[in-house]
């Protein structure tokens, strides 16, 4: 049995859960993280030295992985048979470049604003830095808007892929974070409604995109 370690409220855990749902993979999830079992527990650190969720334990424990995008790639490669992550090298690279962009450029843009406005972190309350973070976040989402306007139904074209999983959850976070001015990105809105309608999205991408 596949085990996913991490609380379901974590955006990175939800990437893995949604990927499992799309691939029809059975799993058991264990609550780890804030409010649950501590990821500083030696048993958890032995699995992930970064002490962060999610962690995937596949089968008898011979496969232990951390980093959410890596876990999603592994699942799609091992069990997807070309679903979610193409076999063709060029098509696969197109999906993976957007996954990498999500993990680096997009995430770095929203981090300060999200920590201050949603998490209420005392270390992230500088109004100018929040404003700068929001501006950068909106610029990055504008890049996604332009990609979706030209690509078609999904991030890399007609086919749903892992790029849509990881970016769909990030876009949901953008829509739910309070900000005075949020750009109108119609292609993002249509795409998010399309994602929320997928059976695999289930509870992992709440259907509140209207």
N, C-alpha and C. Protein backbone atom coordinates (compact mmCIF):
# COMPACT_ATOMS: atom_id res chain seq x y z
N UNK A 1 0.84 -1.20 0.00
CA UNK A 1 0.00 0.00 0.00
C UNK A 1 0.88 1.25 0.00
N UNK A 2 0.48 2.23 -0.76
CA UNK A 2 1.18 3.50 -0.81
C UNK A 2 0.76 4.39 0.36
N UNK A 3 1.73 5.01 1.01
CA UNK A 3 1.45 5.91 2.13
C UNK A 3 1.88 7.32 1.76
N UNK A 4 1.01 8.28 2.06
CA UNK A 4 1.31 9.69 1.87
C UNK A 4 1.31 10.34 3.25
N UNK A 5 2.45 10.87 3.65
CA UNK A 5 2.59 11.47 4.97
C UNK A 5 2.46 12.98 4.85
N UNK A 6 1.44 13.53 5.51
CA UNK A 6 1.24 14.97 5.49
C UNK A 6 -0.23 15.32 5.63
N UNK A 7 -0.51 16.46 6.26
CA UNK A 7 -1.89 16.87 6.47
C UNK A 7 -2.51 17.32 5.15
N UNK A 8 -3.81 17.07 5.00
CA UNK A 8 -4.49 17.32 3.74
C UNK A 8 -4.64 18.81 3.44
N UNK A 9 -4.49 19.68 4.43
CA UNK A 9 -4.61 21.11 4.18
C UNK A 9 -3.37 21.69 3.51
N UNK A 10 -2.27 20.94 3.47
CA UNK A 10 -1.04 21.42 2.84
C UNK A 10 -1.19 21.42 1.33
N UNK A 11 -0.86 22.55 0.69
CA UNK A 11 -0.96 22.65 -0.76
C UNK A 11 -0.05 21.62 -1.44
N UNK A 12 1.10 21.35 -0.86
CA UNK A 12 2.02 20.39 -1.46
C UNK A 12 1.55 18.96 -1.29
N UNK A 13 0.92 18.66 -0.18
CA UNK A 13 0.32 17.34 0.00
C UNK A 13 -0.82 17.15 -1.00
N UNK A 14 -1.61 18.20 -1.21
CA UNK A 14 -2.74 18.08 -2.14
C UNK A 14 -2.29 17.82 -3.57
N UNK A 15 -1.11 18.30 -3.95
CA UNK A 15 -0.58 17.95 -5.27
C UNK A 15 -0.50 16.44 -5.43
N UNK A 16 0.03 15.78 -4.42
CA UNK A 16 0.23 14.34 -4.47
C UNK A 16 -1.12 13.62 -4.44
N UNK A 17 -2.02 14.07 -3.59
CA UNK A 17 -3.33 13.42 -3.47
C UNK A 17 -4.12 13.56 -4.77
N UNK A 18 -4.07 14.73 -5.39
CA UNK A 18 -4.78 14.93 -6.65
C UNK A 18 -4.16 14.05 -7.74
N UNK A 19 -2.85 13.96 -7.77
CA UNK A 19 -2.18 13.11 -8.75
C UNK A 19 -2.61 11.66 -8.57
N UNK A 20 -2.65 11.20 -7.33
CA UNK A 20 -3.11 9.83 -7.07
C UNK A 20 -4.54 9.62 -7.56
N UNK A 21 -5.39 10.62 -7.33
CA UNK A 21 -6.78 10.51 -7.77
C UNK A 21 -6.88 10.43 -9.28
N UNK A 22 -6.11 11.25 -9.98
CA UNK A 22 -6.14 11.24 -11.44
C UNK A 22 -5.66 9.89 -11.99
N UNK A 23 -4.73 9.26 -11.32
CA UNK A 23 -4.18 7.99 -11.78
C UNK A 23 -4.91 6.77 -11.21
N UNK A 24 -5.89 7.01 -10.33
CA UNK A 24 -6.62 5.91 -9.72
C UNK A 24 -5.79 5.07 -8.78
N UNK A 25 -4.86 5.70 -8.07
CA UNK A 25 -3.95 4.97 -7.19
C UNK A 25 -4.49 4.95 -5.76
N UNK A 26 -4.63 3.79 -5.15
CA UNK A 26 -5.04 3.74 -3.74
C UNK A 26 -3.88 4.15 -2.84
N UNK A 27 -4.22 4.79 -1.74
CA UNK A 27 -3.19 5.23 -0.80
C UNK A 27 -3.78 5.37 0.59
N UNK A 28 -2.91 5.37 1.56
CA UNK A 28 -3.28 5.72 2.93
C UNK A 28 -2.56 7.01 3.29
N UNK A 29 -3.30 7.95 3.84
CA UNK A 29 -2.68 9.23 4.23
C UNK A 29 -2.56 9.30 5.74
N UNK A 30 -1.42 9.79 6.21
CA UNK A 30 -1.18 9.96 7.64
C UNK A 30 -0.99 11.44 7.94
N UNK A 31 -1.64 11.92 8.99
CA UNK A 31 -1.54 13.33 9.37
C UNK A 31 -0.20 13.63 10.03
N UNK A 32 0.59 14.43 9.36
CA UNK A 32 1.84 14.95 9.91
C UNK A 32 1.89 16.44 9.59
N UNK A 33 2.50 17.21 10.48
CA UNK A 33 2.63 18.65 10.26
C UNK A 33 1.94 19.42 11.36
N UNK A 34 1.91 20.74 11.21
CA UNK A 34 1.35 21.63 12.22
C UNK A 34 -0.06 21.19 12.63
N UNK A 35 -0.26 21.01 13.94
CA UNK A 35 -1.54 20.57 14.46
C UNK A 35 -1.66 19.06 14.57
N UNK A 36 -0.70 18.33 14.04
CA UNK A 36 -0.72 16.87 14.07
C UNK A 36 0.64 16.38 14.57
N UNK A 37 1.04 15.21 14.19
CA UNK A 37 2.33 14.69 14.60
C UNK A 37 3.45 15.57 14.05
N UNK A 38 4.43 15.83 14.88
CA UNK A 38 5.50 16.74 14.50
C UNK A 38 6.42 16.11 13.46
N UNK A 39 6.76 16.91 12.45
CA UNK A 39 7.71 16.44 11.45
C UNK A 39 9.14 16.44 11.98
N UNK A 40 9.33 16.92 13.20
CA UNK A 40 10.64 16.83 13.85
C UNK A 40 10.84 15.48 14.55
N UNK A 41 9.80 14.67 14.56
CA UNK A 41 9.91 13.34 15.15
C UNK A 41 11.02 12.58 14.42
N UNK A 42 11.91 11.92 15.17
CA UNK A 42 13.02 11.21 14.53
C UNK A 42 12.58 10.23 13.45
N UNK A 43 11.41 9.61 13.63
CA UNK A 43 10.93 8.66 12.63
C UNK A 43 10.62 9.36 11.32
N UNK A 44 10.12 10.61 11.40
CA UNK A 44 9.82 11.36 10.19
C UNK A 44 11.10 11.89 9.56
N UNK A 45 11.98 12.43 10.38
CA UNK A 45 13.24 12.97 9.87
C UNK A 45 14.07 11.90 9.18
N UNK A 46 13.92 10.67 9.63
CA UNK A 46 14.63 9.57 8.97
C UNK A 46 14.15 9.37 7.54
N UNK A 47 12.90 9.76 7.28
CA UNK A 47 12.35 9.67 5.94
C UNK A 47 12.65 10.91 5.11
N UNK A 48 12.58 12.08 5.73
CA UNK A 48 12.85 13.34 5.05
C UNK A 48 13.70 14.23 5.96
N UNK A 49 14.98 14.38 5.68
CA UNK A 49 15.85 15.17 6.55
C UNK A 49 15.47 16.65 6.60
N UNK A 50 14.64 17.11 5.65
CA UNK A 50 14.16 18.50 5.69
C UNK A 50 13.01 18.68 6.67
N UNK A 51 12.44 17.58 7.16
CA UNK A 51 11.33 17.61 8.12
C UNK A 51 10.13 18.39 7.59
N UNK A 52 9.81 18.15 6.33
CA UNK A 52 8.67 18.82 5.70
C UNK A 52 7.80 17.79 5.00
N UNK A 53 6.50 18.11 4.89
CA UNK A 53 5.57 17.27 4.15
C UNK A 53 5.49 17.78 2.70
N UNK A 54 5.13 16.87 1.78
CA UNK A 54 4.76 15.47 1.96
C UNK A 54 5.96 14.53 1.85
N UNK A 55 5.72 13.32 2.31
CA UNK A 55 6.64 12.21 2.06
C UNK A 55 5.81 11.07 1.47
N UNK A 56 6.34 10.41 0.46
CA UNK A 56 5.70 9.24 -0.12
C UNK A 56 6.50 8.00 0.25
N UNK A 57 5.80 7.00 0.77
CA UNK A 57 6.39 5.69 1.00
C UNK A 57 5.63 4.72 0.13
N UNK A 58 6.29 4.19 -0.89
CA UNK A 58 5.63 3.32 -1.85
C UNK A 58 5.97 1.86 -1.58
N UNK A 59 4.94 1.06 -1.44
CA UNK A 59 5.14 -0.38 -1.23
C UNK A 59 5.70 -0.69 0.14
N UNK A 60 6.72 -1.50 0.18
CA UNK A 60 7.27 -1.99 1.44
C UNK A 60 8.29 -1.03 2.05
N UNK A 61 8.39 0.16 1.51
CA UNK A 61 9.33 1.14 2.04
C UNK A 61 10.61 1.24 1.26
N UNK A 62 10.74 0.46 0.20
CA UNK A 62 11.95 0.53 -0.61
C UNK A 62 12.04 1.86 -1.35
N UNK A 63 10.87 2.49 -1.62
CA UNK A 63 10.83 3.79 -2.29
C UNK A 63 10.30 4.82 -1.31
N UNK A 64 11.15 5.76 -0.93
CA UNK A 64 10.78 6.87 -0.05
C UNK A 64 11.19 8.16 -0.75
N UNK A 65 10.23 9.05 -0.98
CA UNK A 65 10.50 10.28 -1.71
C UNK A 65 9.92 11.48 -0.98
N UNK A 66 10.59 12.62 -1.11
CA UNK A 66 10.07 13.91 -0.65
C UNK A 66 10.26 14.91 -1.78
N UNK A 67 9.71 16.11 -1.60
CA UNK A 67 9.55 17.16 -2.62
C UNK A 67 8.33 16.81 -3.49
N UNK A 68 7.30 17.63 -3.35
CA UNK A 68 6.00 17.30 -3.93
C UNK A 68 6.04 17.12 -5.45
N UNK A 69 6.73 18.01 -6.16
CA UNK A 69 6.75 17.88 -7.62
C UNK A 69 7.49 16.62 -8.05
N UNK A 70 8.54 16.25 -7.32
CA UNK A 70 9.26 15.02 -7.61
C UNK A 70 8.37 13.81 -7.38
N UNK A 71 7.62 13.82 -6.30
CA UNK A 71 6.70 12.72 -6.02
C UNK A 71 5.68 12.58 -7.15
N UNK A 72 5.13 13.71 -7.59
CA UNK A 72 4.14 13.66 -8.67
C UNK A 72 4.75 13.11 -9.96
N UNK A 73 5.97 13.54 -10.26
CA UNK A 73 6.65 13.01 -11.45
C UNK A 73 6.85 11.49 -11.34
N UNK A 74 7.27 11.06 -10.18
CA UNK A 74 7.49 9.62 -9.96
C UNK A 74 6.20 8.84 -10.18
N UNK A 75 5.11 9.30 -9.59
CA UNK A 75 3.84 8.59 -9.71
C UNK A 75 3.38 8.52 -11.16
N UNK A 76 3.49 9.63 -11.86
CA UNK A 76 3.06 9.66 -13.26
C UNK A 76 3.95 8.80 -14.13
N UNK A 77 5.25 8.78 -13.84
CA UNK A 77 6.18 7.98 -14.64
C UNK A 77 6.00 6.49 -14.37
N UNK A 78 5.85 6.12 -13.12
CA UNK A 78 5.76 4.70 -12.77
C UNK A 78 4.39 4.11 -13.06
N UNK A 79 3.33 4.90 -12.82
CA UNK A 79 1.98 4.34 -12.90
C UNK A 79 1.10 4.98 -13.97
N UNK A 80 1.57 6.02 -14.61
CA UNK A 80 0.68 6.79 -15.48
C UNK A 80 0.60 6.33 -16.91
N UNK A 81 1.59 5.57 -17.40
CA UNK A 81 1.57 5.09 -18.78
C UNK A 81 1.32 6.24 -19.77
N UNK A 82 2.02 7.34 -19.56
CA UNK A 82 1.88 8.49 -20.46
C UNK A 82 0.83 9.49 -20.04
N UNK A 83 -0.02 9.13 -19.09
CA UNK A 83 -0.99 10.09 -18.56
C UNK A 83 -0.28 11.07 -17.63
N UNK A 84 -0.66 12.29 -17.68
CA UNK A 84 -0.16 13.37 -16.82
C UNK A 84 1.26 13.82 -17.17
N UNK A 85 2.11 12.89 -17.62
CA UNK A 85 3.48 13.24 -17.97
C UNK A 85 3.84 12.49 -19.25
N UNK A 86 3.94 13.19 -20.37
CA UNK A 86 4.14 12.51 -21.66
C UNK A 86 5.43 11.71 -21.71
N UNK A 87 5.42 10.68 -22.55
CA UNK A 87 6.61 9.87 -22.78
C UNK A 87 7.57 10.59 -23.71
N UNK A 88 7.03 11.28 -24.71
CA UNK A 88 7.86 12.03 -25.65
C UNK A 88 8.71 13.05 -24.91
N UNK A 89 10.00 13.11 -25.23
CA UNK A 89 10.93 13.95 -24.47
C UNK A 89 10.58 15.43 -24.54
N UNK A 90 10.21 15.91 -25.72
CA UNK A 90 9.90 17.34 -25.86
C UNK A 90 8.60 17.68 -25.13
N UNK A 91 7.58 16.87 -25.33
CA UNK A 91 6.30 17.12 -24.65
C UNK A 91 6.45 17.06 -23.14
N UNK A 92 7.26 16.10 -22.67
CA UNK A 92 7.51 16.00 -21.23
C UNK A 92 8.23 17.24 -20.70
N UNK A 93 9.23 17.70 -21.45
CA UNK A 93 9.98 18.88 -21.02
C UNK A 93 9.07 20.10 -20.92
N UNK A 94 8.09 20.21 -21.82
CA UNK A 94 7.17 21.34 -21.77
C UNK A 94 6.35 21.33 -20.48
N UNK A 95 5.94 20.13 -20.06
CA UNK A 95 5.20 20.01 -18.80
C UNK A 95 6.11 20.34 -17.63
N UNK A 96 7.31 19.78 -17.65
CA UNK A 96 8.21 19.94 -16.50
C UNK A 96 8.72 21.36 -16.36
N UNK A 97 8.84 22.10 -17.46
CA UNK A 97 9.31 23.48 -17.31
C UNK A 97 8.28 24.32 -16.55
N UNK A 98 6.99 24.05 -16.76
CA UNK A 98 5.97 24.79 -16.01
C UNK A 98 5.90 24.33 -14.57
N UNK A 99 6.17 23.06 -14.31
CA UNK A 99 6.25 22.59 -12.93
C UNK A 99 7.41 23.25 -12.20
N UNK A 100 8.55 23.35 -12.88
CA UNK A 100 9.71 23.99 -12.26
C UNK A 100 9.46 25.48 -12.05
N UNK A 101 8.79 26.11 -12.98
CA UNK A 101 8.45 27.54 -12.84
C UNK A 101 7.55 27.74 -11.62
N UNK A 102 6.60 26.84 -11.43
CA UNK A 102 5.72 26.93 -10.26
C UNK A 102 6.52 26.86 -8.97
N UNK A 103 7.48 25.96 -8.92
CA UNK A 103 8.24 25.73 -7.68
C UNK A 103 9.26 26.82 -7.40
N UNK A 104 9.64 27.57 -8.42
CA UNK A 104 10.69 28.58 -8.23
C UNK A 104 10.14 29.99 -8.38
N UNK A 105 9.83 30.39 -9.57
CA UNK A 105 9.41 31.77 -9.82
C UNK A 105 8.08 32.12 -9.16
N UNK A 106 7.07 31.29 -9.38
CA UNK A 106 5.74 31.62 -8.85
C UNK A 106 5.71 31.55 -7.34
N UNK A 107 6.24 30.48 -6.77
CA UNK A 107 6.23 30.35 -5.31
C UNK A 107 7.02 31.46 -4.63
N UNK A 108 8.15 31.82 -5.19
CA UNK A 108 8.95 32.88 -4.57
C UNK A 108 8.24 34.22 -4.61
N UNK A 109 7.40 34.43 -5.61
CA UNK A 109 6.67 35.70 -5.71
C UNK A 109 5.65 35.85 -4.59
N UNK A 110 4.92 34.78 -4.27
CA UNK A 110 3.81 34.94 -3.32
C UNK A 110 4.18 34.73 -1.86
N UNK A 111 5.36 34.22 -1.60
CA UNK A 111 5.67 33.75 -0.24
C UNK A 111 5.49 34.82 0.83
N UNK A 112 6.06 36.03 0.64
CA UNK A 112 5.99 37.04 1.70
C UNK A 112 4.54 37.48 1.93
N UNK A 113 3.82 37.76 0.85
CA UNK A 113 2.44 38.23 1.00
C UNK A 113 1.56 37.17 1.63
N UNK A 114 1.70 35.93 1.22
CA UNK A 114 0.87 34.87 1.78
C UNK A 114 1.15 34.68 3.27
N UNK A 115 2.43 34.69 3.65
CA UNK A 115 2.76 34.52 5.05
C UNK A 115 2.20 35.64 5.89
N UNK A 116 2.21 36.86 5.37
CA UNK A 116 1.71 38.00 6.13
C UNK A 116 0.20 38.09 6.16
N UNK A 117 -0.45 37.91 5.02
CA UNK A 117 -1.89 38.14 4.90
C UNK A 117 -2.73 36.95 5.31
N UNK A 118 -2.24 35.75 5.08
CA UNK A 118 -3.03 34.55 5.37
C UNK A 118 -2.55 33.86 6.64
N UNK A 119 -1.27 33.67 6.75
CA UNK A 119 -0.74 32.98 7.93
C UNK A 119 -0.59 33.91 9.13
N UNK A 120 -0.60 35.22 8.91
CA UNK A 120 -0.47 36.16 10.01
C UNK A 120 0.89 36.15 10.66
N UNK A 121 1.93 35.81 9.92
CA UNK A 121 3.27 35.74 10.47
C UNK A 121 3.76 37.12 10.91
N UNK A 122 4.23 37.21 12.13
CA UNK A 122 4.73 38.49 12.65
C UNK A 122 5.97 38.95 11.90
N UNK A 123 6.69 38.03 11.30
CA UNK A 123 7.91 38.37 10.57
C UNK A 123 7.63 38.82 9.14
N UNK A 124 6.36 38.86 8.74
CA UNK A 124 6.00 39.20 7.37
C UNK A 124 4.89 40.25 7.35
N UNK A 125 5.12 41.35 8.07
CA UNK A 125 4.08 42.38 8.19
C UNK A 125 4.49 43.74 7.63
N UNK A 126 5.62 43.82 6.95
CA UNK A 126 6.04 45.09 6.36
C UNK A 126 5.13 45.41 5.17
N UNK A 127 4.37 46.52 5.22
CA UNK A 127 3.41 46.83 4.15
C UNK A 127 4.06 46.96 2.78
N UNK A 128 5.24 47.54 2.73
CA UNK A 128 5.90 47.70 1.44
C UNK A 128 6.33 46.37 0.86
N UNK A 129 6.81 45.48 1.70
CA UNK A 129 7.22 44.16 1.22
C UNK A 129 6.01 43.32 0.83
N UNK A 130 4.91 43.48 1.55
CA UNK A 130 3.67 42.78 1.16
C UNK A 130 3.21 43.28 -0.20
N UNK A 131 3.21 44.59 -0.38
CA UNK A 131 2.80 45.16 -1.66
C UNK A 131 3.69 44.70 -2.80
N UNK A 132 4.99 44.64 -2.56
CA UNK A 132 5.93 44.20 -3.59
C UNK A 132 5.70 42.73 -3.93
N UNK A 133 5.43 41.93 -2.90
CA UNK A 133 5.17 40.52 -3.12
C UNK A 133 3.90 40.32 -3.93
N UNK A 134 2.84 41.06 -3.59
CA UNK A 134 1.59 40.95 -4.35
C UNK A 134 1.77 41.38 -5.80
N UNK A 135 2.52 42.44 -6.00
CA UNK A 135 2.76 42.92 -7.37
C UNK A 135 3.51 41.86 -8.18
N UNK A 136 4.52 41.26 -7.56
CA UNK A 136 5.27 40.22 -8.25
C UNK A 136 4.41 39.00 -8.52
N UNK A 137 3.58 38.66 -7.56
CA UNK A 137 2.67 37.52 -7.71
C UNK A 137 1.72 37.74 -8.88
N UNK A 138 1.14 38.93 -8.94
CA UNK A 138 0.21 39.24 -10.03
C UNK A 138 0.92 39.25 -11.39
N UNK A 139 2.16 39.70 -11.41
CA UNK A 139 2.91 39.66 -12.68
C UNK A 139 3.12 38.23 -13.13
N UNK A 140 3.48 37.35 -12.20
CA UNK A 140 3.69 35.96 -12.56
C UNK A 140 2.39 35.30 -13.02
N UNK A 141 1.30 35.63 -12.36
CA UNK A 141 0.01 35.09 -12.80
C UNK A 141 -0.37 35.63 -14.18
N UNK A 142 0.08 36.84 -14.48
CA UNK A 142 -0.14 37.37 -15.81
C UNK A 142 0.58 36.55 -16.87
N UNK A 143 1.74 36.03 -16.54
CA UNK A 143 2.47 35.16 -17.46
C UNK A 143 1.66 33.88 -17.70
N UNK A 144 1.09 33.32 -16.64
CA UNK A 144 0.25 32.14 -16.79
C UNK A 144 -0.98 32.46 -17.62
N UNK A 145 -1.57 33.62 -17.41
CA UNK A 145 -2.73 34.05 -18.21
C UNK A 145 -2.41 34.05 -19.69
N UNK A 146 -1.27 34.60 -20.04
CA UNK A 146 -0.89 34.65 -21.46
C UNK A 146 -0.65 33.26 -22.03
N UNK A 147 -0.05 32.38 -21.22
CA UNK A 147 0.18 31.02 -21.67
C UNK A 147 -1.14 30.30 -21.92
N UNK A 148 -2.07 30.42 -21.00
CA UNK A 148 -3.36 29.74 -21.15
C UNK A 148 -4.16 30.31 -22.32
N UNK A 149 -4.05 31.60 -22.55
CA UNK A 149 -4.78 32.22 -23.66
C UNK A 149 -4.30 31.70 -25.01
N UNK A 150 -3.05 31.27 -25.07
CA UNK A 150 -2.50 30.80 -26.34
C UNK A 150 -2.43 29.28 -26.45
N UNK A 151 -2.38 28.57 -25.30
CA UNK A 151 -2.13 27.12 -25.32
C UNK A 151 -3.37 26.30 -25.61
N UNK A 152 -4.52 26.75 -25.11
CA UNK A 152 -5.73 25.96 -25.27
C UNK A 152 -6.37 25.62 -23.94
N UNK A 153 -6.91 24.40 -23.83
CA UNK A 153 -7.66 24.04 -22.63
C UNK A 153 -6.80 23.97 -21.38
N UNK A 154 -5.55 23.55 -21.54
CA UNK A 154 -4.69 23.33 -20.38
C UNK A 154 -3.34 24.05 -20.56
N UNK A 155 -2.50 23.97 -19.57
CA UNK A 155 -1.29 24.79 -19.56
C UNK A 155 -0.39 24.51 -20.76
N UNK A 156 -0.26 23.25 -21.14
CA UNK A 156 0.63 22.94 -22.27
C UNK A 156 -0.12 22.56 -23.53
N UNK A 157 -1.43 22.76 -23.56
CA UNK A 157 -2.18 22.47 -24.77
C UNK A 157 -3.48 21.76 -24.49
N UNK A 158 -3.83 20.79 -25.34
CA UNK A 158 -5.13 20.14 -25.24
C UNK A 158 -5.21 19.11 -24.13
N UNK A 159 -4.07 18.60 -23.68
CA UNK A 159 -4.08 17.50 -22.71
C UNK A 159 -3.82 17.99 -21.28
N UNK A 160 -4.59 17.49 -20.34
CA UNK A 160 -4.37 17.73 -18.91
C UNK A 160 -3.08 17.04 -18.49
N UNK A 161 -2.29 17.73 -17.65
CA UNK A 161 -0.99 17.18 -17.24
C UNK A 161 -0.66 17.58 -15.81
N UNK A 162 0.50 17.11 -15.35
CA UNK A 162 0.95 17.51 -14.02
C UNK A 162 1.13 19.01 -13.89
N UNK A 163 1.42 19.69 -14.98
CA UNK A 163 1.53 21.15 -14.91
C UNK A 163 0.23 21.77 -14.43
N UNK A 164 -0.89 21.20 -14.84
CA UNK A 164 -2.19 21.72 -14.40
C UNK A 164 -2.46 21.42 -12.94
N UNK A 165 -1.98 20.28 -12.46
CA UNK A 165 -2.16 19.95 -11.05
C UNK A 165 -1.44 20.96 -10.17
N UNK A 166 -0.15 21.14 -10.40
CA UNK A 166 0.63 21.99 -9.50
C UNK A 166 0.26 23.46 -9.67
N UNK A 167 0.00 23.90 -10.90
CA UNK A 167 -0.36 25.30 -11.11
C UNK A 167 -1.81 25.58 -10.74
N UNK A 168 -2.67 24.58 -10.87
CA UNK A 168 -4.05 24.78 -10.45
C UNK A 168 -4.17 25.06 -8.97
N UNK A 169 -3.40 24.33 -8.17
CA UNK A 169 -3.42 24.57 -6.73
C UNK A 169 -2.80 25.92 -6.37
N UNK A 170 -1.75 26.30 -7.08
CA UNK A 170 -1.15 27.62 -6.85
C UNK A 170 -2.11 28.73 -7.23
N UNK A 171 -2.81 28.57 -8.34
CA UNK A 171 -3.76 29.58 -8.78
C UNK A 171 -4.93 29.69 -7.80
N UNK A 172 -5.33 28.57 -7.24
CA UNK A 172 -6.39 28.60 -6.22
C UNK A 172 -5.94 29.41 -5.01
N UNK A 173 -4.68 29.25 -4.62
CA UNK A 173 -4.15 30.04 -3.50
C UNK A 173 -4.16 31.53 -3.84
N UNK A 174 -3.82 31.86 -5.07
CA UNK A 174 -3.84 33.26 -5.50
C UNK A 174 -5.25 33.84 -5.41
N UNK A 175 -6.24 33.10 -5.84
CA UNK A 175 -7.62 33.58 -5.81
C UNK A 175 -8.14 33.74 -4.38
N UNK A 176 -7.66 32.94 -3.44
CA UNK A 176 -8.18 32.96 -2.09
C UNK A 176 -7.43 33.90 -1.16
N UNK A 177 -6.28 34.38 -1.57
CA UNK A 177 -5.53 35.31 -0.73
C UNK A 177 -6.12 36.71 -0.83
N UNK A 178 -6.44 37.34 0.29
CA UNK A 178 -7.05 38.68 0.23
C UNK A 178 -6.06 39.71 -0.29
N UNK A 179 -6.50 40.48 -1.28
CA UNK A 179 -5.70 41.58 -1.81
C UNK A 179 -6.64 42.65 -2.33
N UNK A 180 -6.24 43.91 -2.22
CA UNK A 180 -7.12 45.01 -2.61
C UNK A 180 -7.44 44.99 -4.09
N UNK A 181 -6.46 44.71 -4.91
CA UNK A 181 -6.67 44.69 -6.34
C UNK A 181 -6.13 43.38 -6.91
N UNK A 182 -7.03 42.65 -7.58
CA UNK A 182 -6.64 41.41 -8.22
C UNK A 182 -6.91 41.55 -9.71
N UNK A 183 -5.92 41.38 -10.55
CA UNK A 183 -6.14 41.53 -11.98
C UNK A 183 -7.21 40.57 -12.50
N UNK A 184 -7.91 41.00 -13.53
CA UNK A 184 -8.90 40.14 -14.17
C UNK A 184 -8.19 39.31 -15.23
N UNK A 185 -8.04 38.03 -14.95
CA UNK A 185 -7.38 37.12 -15.87
C UNK A 185 -8.42 36.09 -16.36
N UNK A 186 -9.12 36.38 -17.44
CA UNK A 186 -10.22 35.51 -17.87
C UNK A 186 -9.78 34.11 -18.27
N UNK A 187 -8.62 33.97 -18.89
CA UNK A 187 -8.16 32.62 -19.27
C UNK A 187 -7.89 31.78 -18.05
N UNK A 188 -7.34 32.38 -17.00
CA UNK A 188 -7.12 31.66 -15.74
C UNK A 188 -8.44 31.22 -15.14
N UNK A 189 -9.44 32.10 -15.17
CA UNK A 189 -10.74 31.78 -14.58
C UNK A 189 -11.40 30.61 -15.30
N UNK A 190 -11.38 30.62 -16.62
CA UNK A 190 -11.99 29.52 -17.39
C UNK A 190 -11.25 28.22 -17.13
N UNK A 191 -9.95 28.28 -17.11
CA UNK A 191 -9.12 27.09 -16.85
C UNK A 191 -9.38 26.52 -15.47
N UNK A 192 -9.48 27.37 -14.46
CA UNK A 192 -9.71 26.88 -13.10
C UNK A 192 -11.07 26.22 -12.97
N UNK A 193 -12.08 26.78 -13.64
CA UNK A 193 -13.40 26.13 -13.63
C UNK A 193 -13.33 24.77 -14.30
N UNK A 194 -12.54 24.67 -15.36
CA UNK A 194 -12.37 23.39 -16.05
C UNK A 194 -11.68 22.38 -15.13
N UNK A 195 -10.67 22.83 -14.39
CA UNK A 195 -9.97 21.93 -13.47
C UNK A 195 -10.90 21.45 -12.35
N UNK A 196 -11.67 22.37 -11.79
CA UNK A 196 -12.54 22.02 -10.67
C UNK A 196 -13.60 21.02 -11.07
N UNK A 197 -13.94 20.96 -12.35
CA UNK A 197 -14.97 20.03 -12.83
C UNK A 197 -14.43 18.62 -13.03
N UNK A 198 -13.12 18.44 -12.95
CA UNK A 198 -12.56 17.11 -13.15
C UNK A 198 -12.87 16.21 -11.95
N UNK A 199 -13.31 14.97 -12.20
CA UNK A 199 -13.59 14.06 -11.08
C UNK A 199 -12.38 13.87 -10.17
N UNK A 200 -11.18 13.87 -10.74
CA UNK A 200 -9.99 13.65 -9.93
C UNK A 200 -9.68 14.78 -8.98
N UNK A 201 -10.20 15.98 -9.27
CA UNK A 201 -9.90 17.12 -8.41
C UNK A 201 -10.50 16.94 -7.02
N UNK A 202 -11.75 16.47 -7.00
CA UNK A 202 -12.41 16.15 -5.75
C UNK A 202 -12.25 17.24 -4.69
N UNK A 203 -11.88 16.81 -3.50
CA UNK A 203 -11.70 17.73 -2.39
C UNK A 203 -10.38 18.48 -2.46
N UNK A 204 -9.50 18.09 -3.38
CA UNK A 204 -8.17 18.68 -3.39
C UNK A 204 -8.14 20.03 -4.08
N UNK A 205 -9.14 20.33 -4.92
CA UNK A 205 -9.25 21.64 -5.54
C UNK A 205 -10.70 22.09 -5.35
N UNK A 206 -10.99 22.82 -4.28
CA UNK A 206 -12.37 23.21 -4.00
C UNK A 206 -12.99 23.96 -5.17
N UNK A 207 -14.24 23.63 -5.46
CA UNK A 207 -14.95 24.23 -6.58
C UNK A 207 -15.57 25.57 -6.15
N UNK A 208 -14.70 26.56 -5.93
CA UNK A 208 -15.17 27.89 -5.53
C UNK A 208 -14.64 28.93 -6.49
N UNK A 209 -14.51 28.52 -7.74
CA UNK A 209 -13.84 29.39 -8.71
C UNK A 209 -14.80 30.29 -9.47
N UNK A 210 -16.10 30.21 -9.19
CA UNK A 210 -17.06 31.04 -9.92
C UNK A 210 -16.91 32.51 -9.54
